[in-house]
Amino acid sequence: MAAGQGTRMRSSVPKVLHPVCGRPMVAWPIAAARDAGAGRVCVIVSPDRDLGPALPDGVETVIQPEPDGTGGALRSALEVIAASETVLVLSGDHPLVSPEIVSELLQTHRDAGAGATVMTTELENPGSYGRIVRGEDGSVEKIAEAKEAGDATLEELQIREVNAGTYAFSAVALADALARIGNDNAQGEYYLGDVLPPIRESGSVIAAYRSPDPGVNLGVNDRVDLARATEEARRRILEAHMRAGVTVIDPASTWIDAGVEIAPDVTLEPGTALRGASSVGAGSVVGPMTTVLDSRLGEGVTAPHSYLTSCAVADGATIGPFAYLRPEAELGEGSKAGAFVEIKNSRIGDGAKVPHLCYVGDAEVGAGANLGAGTVTANYDGFHKSRTKVGKDARVGVDTALVAPVEVGDGAYTGAGSVITGDVPPGALGITRGEQHNVEGYAERKARQSENSEKDEDDS
């Protein structure tokens, strides 16, 4: 269910699309359902919020025509329910429901042969959550809503076991009960929890699965809730990686998104952020103070104090400190992008080195080549971008400008301070340098000029 207006978020972005650790909020329960074995997945949406483009592939949407409550949401999906056997209902603003918890709910539902199974949890301060009302035999009788005064009795408000907003239903029992519920309550809405009494009256079992994880009830209504849910999700992600063999020096300053893959024996130094669809190979050391976004790092990579986005780094490469790898930068095995180096849309060959203070854009740098400090590829003429090619084992002198399109051949050299506008053949030296002139006595003449200037100021 994801049709809520989310007005308390104070945002033009639909509430369920706000990210939690790099994944849209609604994608968390979708992933949990799929990992627990769900087949068809449908998201119930409001008519004025198109969530489709942001949803995972294969997810359908069903429009809830008017905001008439959670029961109304399921009423709008009757065609989907009729085509199913078991219906799992999750809330799009509850991102911390795990696949394991969903699997246990479904197993409880099957074992009980239930018409409906509600997930519950116990809270010290239940607030406005719906209370689970049980009979003398411990079976679930109903859910007493507590959103508005008058929905629940004073006795019911003392109950600490609450509805977690997640259910499993027999499709037949659910469809029948949805036709029988009303909206005679403080909010004038159809509450999904109201289907339980009619299901019970029809002779079906109402089961309950009490989750050991109170996080299943952590819904997001505003940005304070969003921060709380994100912090808890971040803690769980970090713990999972650490238990899988990743060393996190300072978890409090380390951020890992939900989709990140990290091999064992990786070390994450303080201030590291791994975002998006990034991956890090075994034995790599990332950070301190490094951000990796949608990038692939191989094994044995080191990357302190750097920013990497949409790039690929092969095994044994070294990056930084203070390097910036931009989209489509590719570093070969054992290569180097050193201090204050920026690389974009370029391939740096195996063992090649771009040690420091360089800009390399739209270029191919051959294996074993070395670019001296201050090398710049002049790739843009104001209208078009052109490529530069540096051959294998080439040596580009410090402070060289390579004006694309240009090629420096295998094993070729360029002289320091050169502006290379034409191709340099393999094994040759390309050099463009004006003749040096030394002016004798220049320092002494400047000193006399300074003395005369100071004397004139004193006289005035």
Protein backbone atom coordinates (compact mmCIF):
# COMPACT_ATOMS: atom_id res chain seq x y z
CA MET A 1 0.00 0.00 0.00
CA ALA A 2 1.51 3.32 -1.10
CA ALA A 3 -1.40 5.65 -1.84
CA GLY A 4 -1.02 7.91 1.21
CA GLN A 5 -0.58 11.61 0.52
CA GLY A 6 2.38 12.01 2.89
CA THR A 7 1.61 15.67 3.56
CA ARG A 8 3.69 15.71 6.73
CA MET A 9 6.83 15.18 4.66
CA ARG A 10 6.40 18.75 3.31
CA SER A 11 7.77 17.58 -0.02
CA SER A 12 6.94 17.58 -3.73
CA VAL A 13 8.40 14.07 -3.83
CA PRO A 14 5.91 11.28 -2.96
CA LYS A 15 6.62 10.06 0.56
CA VAL A 16 7.38 6.47 -0.42
CA LEU A 17 9.98 7.60 -2.96
CA HIS A 18 12.18 9.29 -0.37
CA PRO A 19 15.37 7.21 -0.15
CA VAL A 20 16.37 5.04 2.78
CA CYS A 21 20.05 4.12 2.42
CA GLY A 22 20.02 4.66 -1.31
CA ARG A 23 16.80 2.75 -2.02
CA PRO A 24 13.33 4.33 -2.38
CA MET A 25 11.34 3.65 0.76
CA VAL A 26 8.69 1.63 -1.08
CA ALA A 27 11.35 -0.60 -2.66
CA TRP A 28 12.26 -2.05 0.75
CA PRO A 29 8.97 -3.91 1.37
CA ILE A 30 8.88 -4.87 -2.32
CA ALA A 31 12.32 -6.47 -1.97
CA ALA A 32 11.27 -8.19 1.26
CA ALA A 33 8.18 -9.67 -0.40
CA ARG A 34 10.10 -10.88 -3.44
CA ASP A 35 12.88 -12.41 -1.36
CA ALA A 36 10.22 -14.20 0.69
CA GLY A 37 8.84 -15.79 -2.48
CA ALA A 38 6.11 -13.43 -3.65
CA GLY A 39 5.14 -13.83 -7.28
CA ARG A 40 2.96 -10.99 -8.52
CA VAL A 41 3.75 -7.67 -6.81
CA CYS A 42 1.33 -4.74 -7.04
CA VAL A 43 1.69 -1.29 -5.50
CA ILE A 44 -1.51 0.61 -4.69
CA VAL A 45 -1.03 4.28 -5.60
CA SER A 46 -3.05 7.49 -5.60
CA PRO A 47 -4.25 8.85 -8.95
CA ASP A 48 -2.16 12.02 -8.68
CA ARG A 49 1.18 10.36 -7.91
CA ASP A 50 2.80 8.26 -10.64
CA LEU A 51 5.24 5.95 -8.89
CA GLY A 52 5.67 3.57 -11.82
CA PRO A 53 9.02 4.87 -13.19
CA ALA A 54 10.63 4.60 -9.75
CA LEU A 55 9.48 1.05 -9.00
CA PRO A 56 11.56 -2.10 -9.62
CA ASP A 57 11.05 -3.92 -12.91
CA GLY A 58 8.00 -6.16 -13.05
CA VAL A 59 6.05 -4.33 -10.33
CA GLU A 60 2.47 -3.39 -11.24
CA THR A 61 0.48 -0.43 -9.97
CA VAL A 62 -3.17 -0.25 -8.94
CA ILE A 63 -4.88 3.13 -8.50
CA GLN A 64 -6.89 3.87 -5.36
CA PRO A 65 -9.41 6.41 -6.73
CA GLU A 66 -9.97 8.26 -3.46
CA PRO A 67 -8.17 8.41 -0.10
CA ASP A 68 -10.67 6.28 1.81
CA GLY A 69 -8.32 4.30 4.06
CA THR A 70 -6.35 1.07 4.03
CA GLY A 71 -9.48 -0.98 3.49
CA GLY A 72 -10.32 1.23 0.54
CA ALA A 73 -6.86 0.60 -0.85
CA LEU A 74 -7.46 -3.16 -0.89
CA ARG A 75 -10.93 -2.67 -2.35
CA SER A 76 -9.32 -0.97 -5.34
CA ALA A 77 -7.23 -4.11 -5.91
CA LEU A 78 -10.09 -6.65 -5.91
CA GLU A 79 -9.20 -7.88 -9.41
CA VAL A 80 -5.68 -8.71 -8.26
CA ILE A 81 -7.01 -10.38 -5.10
CA ALA A 82 -9.47 -12.49 -7.10
CA ALA A 83 -6.63 -13.83 -9.25
CA SER A 84 -4.59 -14.91 -6.19
CA GLU A 85 -4.59 -17.63 -3.54
CA THR A 86 -2.65 -15.93 -0.75
CA VAL A 87 -2.44 -12.16 -0.45
CA LEU A 88 0.44 -10.52 1.42
CA VAL A 89 -0.22 -6.90 2.40
CA LEU A 90 2.70 -4.61 3.24
CA SER A 91 2.88 -0.87 3.92
CA GLY A 92 5.01 1.17 1.55
CA ASP A 93 6.17 3.45 4.37
CA HIS A 94 7.49 0.62 6.59
CA PRO A 95 10.98 0.02 5.15
CA LEU A 96 12.39 -2.21 7.92
CA VAL A 97 10.27 -5.32 7.27
CA SER A 98 12.81 -8.03 6.42
CA PRO A 99 12.43 -11.06 4.12
CA GLU A 100 12.99 -13.34 7.12
CA ILE A 101 10.14 -11.74 9.07
CA VAL A 102 7.83 -11.92 6.03
CA SER A 103 8.71 -15.61 5.55
CA GLU A 104 7.89 -16.35 9.18
CA LEU A 105 4.55 -14.52 8.86
CA LEU A 106 3.64 -16.59 5.80
CA GLN A 107 4.71 -19.81 7.50
CA THR A 108 2.54 -18.97 10.51
CA HIS A 109 -0.36 -18.31 8.13
CA ARG A 110 0.09 -21.66 6.37
CA ASP A 111 0.57 -23.65 9.56
CA ALA A 112 -2.61 -22.21 11.08
CA GLY A 113 -4.65 -22.69 7.93
CA ALA A 114 -5.80 -19.16 8.63
CA GLY A 115 -8.13 -16.89 6.74
CA ALA A 116 -6.07 -13.98 7.97
CA THR A 117 -2.78 -13.58 9.83
CA VAL A 118 -1.78 -10.24 11.26
CA MET A 119 1.78 -9.27 12.17
CA THR A 120 2.01 -7.70 15.61
CA THR A 121 4.67 -6.31 17.88
CA GLU A 122 4.72 -4.93 21.41
CA LEU A 123 5.59 -1.31 22.18
CA GLU A 124 6.17 0.46 25.47
CA ASN A 125 4.36 3.51 24.09
CA PRO A 126 1.78 2.31 21.52
CA GLY A 127 0.67 5.84 20.62
CA SER A 128 -1.82 5.88 17.75
CA TYR A 129 -1.11 2.37 16.51
CA GLY A 130 -4.04 -0.03 16.23
CA ARG A 131 -4.34 -2.32 19.28
CA ILE A 132 -4.62 -6.11 18.99
CA VAL A 133 -7.70 -7.22 20.89
CA ARG A 134 -7.57 -10.89 21.85
CA GLY A 135 -10.20 -13.22 23.25
CA GLU A 136 -9.94 -15.21 26.46
CA ASP A 137 -8.33 -18.08 24.52
CA GLY A 138 -5.64 -15.74 23.15
CA SER A 139 -7.02 -15.66 19.62
CA VAL A 140 -7.25 -12.37 17.73
CA GLU A 141 -10.72 -10.87 17.78
CA LYS A 142 -10.16 -7.49 16.15
CA ILE A 143 -7.87 -4.48 15.73
CA ALA A 144 -8.99 -1.39 17.64
CA GLU A 145 -7.81 1.69 15.72
CA ALA A 146 -6.45 4.54 17.83
CA LYS A 147 -5.84 7.32 15.33
CA GLU A 148 -8.69 9.48 16.59
CA ALA A 149 -10.50 9.85 19.91
CA GLY A 150 -13.42 7.50 20.05
CA ASP A 151 -12.00 4.81 17.80
CA ALA A 152 -10.82 2.69 20.75
CA THR A 153 -12.10 2.31 24.30
CA LEU A 154 -10.00 3.32 27.30
CA GLU A 155 -9.48 -0.37 28.08
CA GLU A 156 -8.30 -1.08 24.54
CA LEU A 157 -5.88 1.85 24.68
CA GLN A 158 -4.06 0.13 27.55
CA ILE A 159 -3.05 -2.74 25.24
CA ARG A 160 0.61 -2.63 24.20
CA GLU A 161 0.46 -5.24 21.43
CA VAL A 162 -0.09 -3.32 18.20
CA ASN A 163 -0.78 -3.94 14.55
CA ALA A 164 2.40 -3.76 12.47
CA GLY A 165 0.46 -3.07 9.27
CA THR A 166 1.49 -6.34 7.59
CA TYR A 167 -0.95 -9.16 6.86
CA ALA A 168 -1.38 -12.47 5.07
CA PHE A 169 -4.85 -13.40 3.84
CA SER A 170 -6.71 -16.13 2.09
CA ALA A 171 -7.73 -14.32 -1.09
CA VAL A 172 -11.28 -15.66 -0.96
CA ALA A 173 -11.76 -14.69 2.69
CA LEU A 174 -10.30 -11.22 2.09
CA ALA A 175 -12.47 -10.45 -0.95
CA ASP A 176 -15.61 -11.50 0.93
CA ALA A 177 -14.74 -9.46 4.03
CA LEU A 178 -13.87 -6.30 2.06
CA ALA A 179 -17.41 -6.21 0.76
CA ARG A 180 -18.77 -6.28 4.31
CA ILE A 181 -16.79 -3.56 6.11
CA GLY A 182 -18.04 -0.01 6.65
CA ASN A 183 -16.56 3.40 7.36
CA ASP A 184 -18.49 4.35 10.50
CA ASN A 185 -15.51 5.70 12.44
CA ALA A 186 -13.93 8.99 13.45
CA GLN A 187 -12.13 9.40 10.13
CA GLY A 188 -14.85 8.08 7.84
CA GLU A 189 -12.41 5.58 6.31
CA TYR A 190 -12.43 1.89 5.55
CA TYR A 191 -9.89 0.28 7.88
CA LEU A 192 -8.22 -2.88 6.66
CA GLY A 193 -8.15 -4.22 10.20
CA ASP A 194 -11.98 -4.26 10.15
CA VAL A 195 -11.93 -7.31 7.84
CA LEU A 196 -10.87 -9.53 10.75
CA PRO A 197 -14.26 -9.85 12.53
CA PRO A 198 -16.17 -10.86 9.35
CA ILE A 199 -13.42 -13.34 8.45
CA ARG A 200 -13.69 -14.77 11.95
CA GLU A 201 -17.51 -14.90 11.72
CA SER A 202 -17.28 -16.87 8.49
CA GLY A 203 -15.54 -19.63 10.42
CA SER A 204 -11.96 -18.93 9.37
CA VAL A 205 -9.06 -18.77 11.79
CA ILE A 206 -7.53 -15.38 12.63
CA ALA A 207 -3.87 -15.98 13.43
CA ALA A 208 -1.19 -13.61 14.70
CA TYR A 209 2.54 -13.57 14.23
CA ARG A 210 4.30 -11.54 16.90
CA SER A 211 7.48 -10.17 15.36
CA PRO A 212 10.58 -10.21 17.57
CA ASP A 213 11.77 -7.11 15.70
CA PRO A 214 10.00 -3.88 16.75
CA GLY A 215 11.47 -2.23 13.67
CA VAL A 216 8.66 -3.73 11.58
CA ASN A 217 6.42 -1.09 13.11
CA LEU A 218 8.69 1.84 12.33
CA GLY A 219 6.57 3.73 9.83
CA VAL A 220 7.60 6.99 8.19
CA ASN A 221 5.24 9.96 8.37
CA ASP A 222 7.66 12.90 8.40
CA ARG A 223 11.35 13.60 7.96
CA VAL A 224 12.09 12.90 11.60
CA ASP A 225 10.70 9.39 11.09
CA LEU A 226 12.67 9.14 7.85
CA ALA A 227 15.93 9.95 9.64
CA ARG A 228 15.11 7.41 12.36
CA ALA A 229 14.33 4.66 9.84
CA THR A 230 17.44 5.48 7.80
CA GLU A 231 19.68 5.31 10.86
CA GLU A 232 18.29 1.91 11.82
CA ALA A 233 18.60 0.61 8.26
CA ARG A 234 22.19 1.89 8.12
CA ARG A 235 23.03 0.11 11.38
CA ARG A 236 21.64 -3.17 10.07
CA ILE A 237 23.50 -2.88 6.78
CA LEU A 238 26.79 -2.17 8.54
CA GLU A 239 26.34 -5.07 10.96
CA ALA A 240 25.54 -7.48 8.13
CA HIS A 241 28.73 -6.51 6.27
CA MET A 242 30.87 -6.71 9.40
CA ARG A 243 29.53 -10.18 10.21
CA ALA A 244 30.36 -11.17 6.63
CA GLY A 245 34.03 -10.25 7.08
CA VAL A 246 34.28 -6.52 6.37
CA THR A 247 36.28 -4.32 8.76
CA VAL A 248 34.55 -1.02 9.50
CA ILE A 249 36.90 1.11 11.55
CA ASP A 250 34.26 3.61 12.66
CA PRO A 251 30.65 2.55 11.99
CA ALA A 252 29.36 5.91 13.23
CA SER A 253 30.99 7.73 10.30
CA THR A 254 30.52 5.06 7.61
CA TRP A 255 27.61 4.90 5.17
CA ILE A 256 26.76 1.90 3.01
CA ASP A 257 23.72 1.85 0.74
CA ALA A 258 21.42 -1.15 0.52
CA GLY A 259 22.60 -2.27 -2.92
CA VAL A 260 26.35 -2.21 -2.24
CA GLU A 261 28.36 -5.45 -2.49
CA ILE A 262 31.53 -5.82 -0.39
CA ALA A 263 33.83 -8.85 -0.34
CA PRO A 264 35.45 -10.21 2.84
CA ASP A 265 38.67 -8.61 4.12
CA VAL A 266 37.78 -5.16 2.84
CA THR A 267 38.65 -2.34 5.24
CA LEU A 268 36.52 0.79 5.36
CA GLU A 269 38.30 3.70 7.00
CA PRO A 270 36.40 6.49 8.83
CA GLY A 271 34.32 8.85 6.73
CA THR A 272 33.74 6.36 3.92
CA ALA A 273 30.48 6.34 1.94
CA LEU A 274 29.64 3.54 -0.50
CA ARG A 275 26.54 4.54 -2.43
CA GLY A 276 24.30 3.21 -5.18
CA ALA A 277 25.25 0.04 -7.07
CA SER A 278 28.88 -0.01 -5.95
CA SER A 279 31.03 -3.06 -5.28
CA VAL A 280 34.41 -3.52 -3.58
CA GLY A 281 36.72 -6.51 -4.03
CA ALA A 282 38.53 -8.48 -1.35
CA GLY A 283 41.46 -6.86 0.42
CA SER A 284 40.72 -3.33 -0.70
CA VAL A 285 41.10 -0.37 1.66
CA VAL A 286 38.67 2.48 1.06
CA GLY A 287 39.03 5.80 2.85
CA PRO A 288 39.42 7.63 5.03
CA MET A 289 37.01 10.27 3.72
CA THR A 290 36.26 8.58 0.40
CA THR A 291 32.94 8.49 -1.45
CA VAL A 292 32.24 5.74 -3.98
CA LEU A 293 29.07 6.07 -6.07
CA ASP A 294 27.87 3.47 -8.60
CA SER A 295 31.44 2.26 -9.09
CA ARG A 296 33.27 -1.07 -9.20
CA LEU A 297 36.50 -1.53 -7.25
CA GLY A 298 38.52 -4.70 -7.74
CA GLU A 299 40.65 -6.57 -5.25
CA GLY A 300 43.51 -4.91 -3.39
CA VAL A 301 42.52 -1.38 -4.34
CA THR A 302 43.45 1.56 -2.11
CA ALA A 303 41.50 4.81 -2.27
CA PRO A 304 42.07 7.38 0.49
CA HIS A 305 40.48 10.86 0.48
CA SER A 306 38.90 10.55 -2.97
CA TYR A 307 35.62 10.79 -4.87
CA LEU A 308 34.67 8.08 -7.36
CA THR A 309 31.50 8.10 -9.41
CA SER A 310 30.34 5.68 -12.13
CA CYS A 311 33.83 4.33 -12.74
CA ALA A 312 35.63 0.98 -12.78
CA VAL A 313 38.90 0.24 -10.97
CA ALA A 314 40.76 -3.02 -11.57
CA ASP A 315 42.71 -5.12 -9.09
CA GLY A 316 45.69 -3.56 -7.36
CA ALA A 317 45.08 -0.01 -8.54
CA THR A 318 45.87 2.93 -6.26
CA ILE A 319 43.81 6.09 -6.10
CA GLY A 320 44.44 9.40 -4.39
CA PRO A 321 44.69 11.02 -2.07
CA PHE A 322 42.31 13.69 -3.34
CA ALA A 323 41.58 12.07 -6.69
CA TYR A 324 38.34 12.54 -8.62
CA LEU A 325 37.28 9.70 -10.90
CA ARG A 326 34.31 10.77 -13.00
CA PRO A 327 31.87 8.69 -15.08
CA GLU A 328 33.38 6.14 -17.48
CA ALA A 329 36.84 6.37 -16.02
CA GLU A 330 38.49 2.94 -16.13
CA LEU A 331 41.71 2.10 -14.31
CA GLY A 332 43.58 -1.05 -15.32
CA GLU A 333 45.32 -3.53 -13.04
CA GLY A 334 48.08 -2.00 -10.95
CA SER A 335 47.49 1.45 -12.37
CA LYS A 336 47.61 4.69 -10.42
CA ALA A 337 45.56 7.87 -10.25
CA GLY A 338 47.50 9.95 -7.74
CA ALA A 339 47.07 13.10 -5.70
CA PHE A 340 44.80 15.78 -7.17
CA VAL A 341 44.15 13.82 -10.36
CA GLU A 342 40.87 14.06 -12.28
CA ILE A 343 39.95 11.42 -14.85
CA LYS A 344 36.75 11.12 -16.89
CA ASN A 345 35.66 8.96 -19.82
CA SER A 346 39.17 7.55 -20.11
CA ARG A 347 40.90 4.21 -19.97
CA ILE A 348 44.15 4.02 -17.99
CA GLY A 349 46.00 0.86 -19.00
CA ASP A 350 47.48 -1.81 -16.77
CA GLY A 351 50.39 -0.46 -14.74
CA ALA A 352 50.03 3.04 -16.18
CA LYS A 353 50.54 5.96 -13.83
CA VAL A 354 48.90 9.34 -13.61
CA PRO A 355 50.77 10.38 -10.46
CA HIS A 356 49.57 13.86 -9.54
CA LEU A 357 48.07 17.19 -10.55
CA CYS A 358 46.68 15.95 -13.87
CA TYR A 359 43.46 16.17 -15.84
CA VAL A 360 42.77 13.28 -18.21
CA GLY A 361 39.53 13.42 -20.17
CA ASP A 362 38.40 11.43 -23.22
CA ALA A 363 41.68 9.57 -23.45
CA GLU A 364 43.32 6.17 -23.85
CA VAL A 365 46.51 5.72 -21.84
CA GLY A 366 48.46 2.59 -22.73
CA ALA A 367 49.85 0.01 -20.35
CA GLY A 368 52.96 1.14 -18.49
CA ALA A 369 52.71 4.75 -19.59
CA ASN A 370 53.54 7.60 -17.20
CA LEU A 371 52.00 11.07 -17.27
CA GLY A 372 54.12 13.69 -15.53
CA ALA A 373 52.76 16.19 -13.04
CA GLY A 374 50.52 18.83 -14.56
CA THR A 375 49.65 16.85 -17.70
CA VAL A 376 46.38 18.03 -19.24
CA THR A 377 44.39 16.60 -22.12
CA ALA A 378 42.80 19.56 -23.90
CA ASN A 379 39.77 17.60 -25.06
CA TYR A 380 37.21 20.35 -25.76
CA ASP A 381 37.46 23.07 -28.42
CA GLY A 382 34.27 24.84 -27.40
CA PHE A 383 32.11 22.81 -29.77
CA HIS A 384 33.31 19.20 -29.83
CA LYS A 385 35.17 16.80 -27.58
CA SER A 386 38.01 14.82 -29.11
CA ARG A 387 40.12 11.95 -27.83
CA THR A 388 43.77 11.66 -26.92
CA LYS A 389 45.77 8.46 -27.19
CA VAL A 390 48.96 7.81 -25.23
CA GLY A 391 50.75 4.62 -26.26
CA LYS A 392 52.26 1.82 -24.20
CA ASP A 393 55.26 2.81 -22.06
CA ALA A 394 55.08 6.40 -23.26
CA ARG A 395 56.52 9.13 -21.03
CA VAL A 396 54.71 12.45 -20.96
CA GLY A 397 56.81 15.23 -19.44
CA VAL A 398 55.61 17.45 -16.63
CA ASP A 399 53.31 20.34 -17.52
CA THR A 400 52.46 18.95 -20.95
CA ALA A 401 49.23 19.91 -22.73
CA LEU A 402 47.99 17.26 -25.18
CA VAL A 403 45.64 19.06 -27.57
CA ALA A 404 43.14 16.51 -28.88
CA PRO A 405 42.78 14.86 -31.26
CA VAL A 406 46.37 13.77 -30.85
CA GLU A 407 48.36 10.57 -30.40
CA VAL A 408 51.62 9.92 -28.55
CA GLY A 409 53.03 6.65 -29.86
CA ASP A 410 54.29 3.62 -27.96
CA GLY A 411 57.47 4.37 -26.05
CA ALA A 412 57.43 8.03 -27.12
CA TYR A 413 58.36 11.01 -24.95
CA THR A 414 57.23 14.61 -24.64
CA GLY A 415 59.40 17.37 -23.29
CA ALA A 416 58.43 19.18 -20.11
CA GLY A 417 56.28 22.25 -20.69
CA SER A 418 55.29 21.24 -24.22
CA VAL A 419 52.00 21.90 -25.98
CA ILE A 420 51.59 18.89 -28.24
CA THR A 421 49.25 19.57 -31.16
CA GLY A 422 50.53 16.94 -33.59
CA ASP A 423 51.07 13.21 -33.31
CA VAL A 424 54.33 11.97 -31.79
CA PRO A 425 55.60 8.82 -33.56
CA PRO A 426 56.51 5.74 -31.51
CA GLY A 427 59.88 6.13 -29.80
CA ALA A 428 60.18 9.82 -30.72
CA LEU A 429 60.43 12.93 -28.54
CA GLY A 430 57.80 15.59 -29.03
CA ILE A 431 58.83 18.99 -27.76
CA THR A 432 57.53 22.51 -28.31
CA ARG A 433 59.54 25.03 -26.39
CA GLY A 434 60.58 28.63 -27.12
CA GLU A 435 64.27 29.57 -26.98
CA GLN A 436 65.38 30.62 -23.49
CA HIS A 437 66.91 34.07 -23.05
CA ASN A 438 68.82 35.10 -19.90
CA VAL A 439 68.98 38.84 -19.12
CA GLU A 440 72.21 39.54 -17.26
CA GLY A 441 72.10 41.95 -14.31
CA TYR A 442 68.30 41.93 -14.19
CA ALA A 443 68.08 41.47 -10.40
CA GLU A 444 70.48 44.38 -9.74
CA ARG A 445 68.51 46.66 -12.07
CA LYS A 446 65.23 45.77 -10.33
CA ALA A 447 66.81 46.54 -6.94
CA ARG A 448 67.94 50.03 -8.11
CA GLN A 449 64.45 50.73 -9.49
CA SER A 450 62.96 49.81 -6.13
CA GLU A 451 65.38 52.08 -4.23
CA ASN A 452 64.65 55.06 -6.51
CA SER A 453 60.92 54.52 -6.11
CA GLU A 454 61.17 54.54 -2.32
CA LYS A 455 63.33 57.74 -2.41
CA ASP A 456 60.79 59.55 -4.60
CA GLU A 457 58.03 58.66 -2.13
CA ASP A 458 60.08 60.03 0.82
CA ASP A 459 60.80 63.31 -1.01
CA SER A 460 57.13 63.83 -1.74
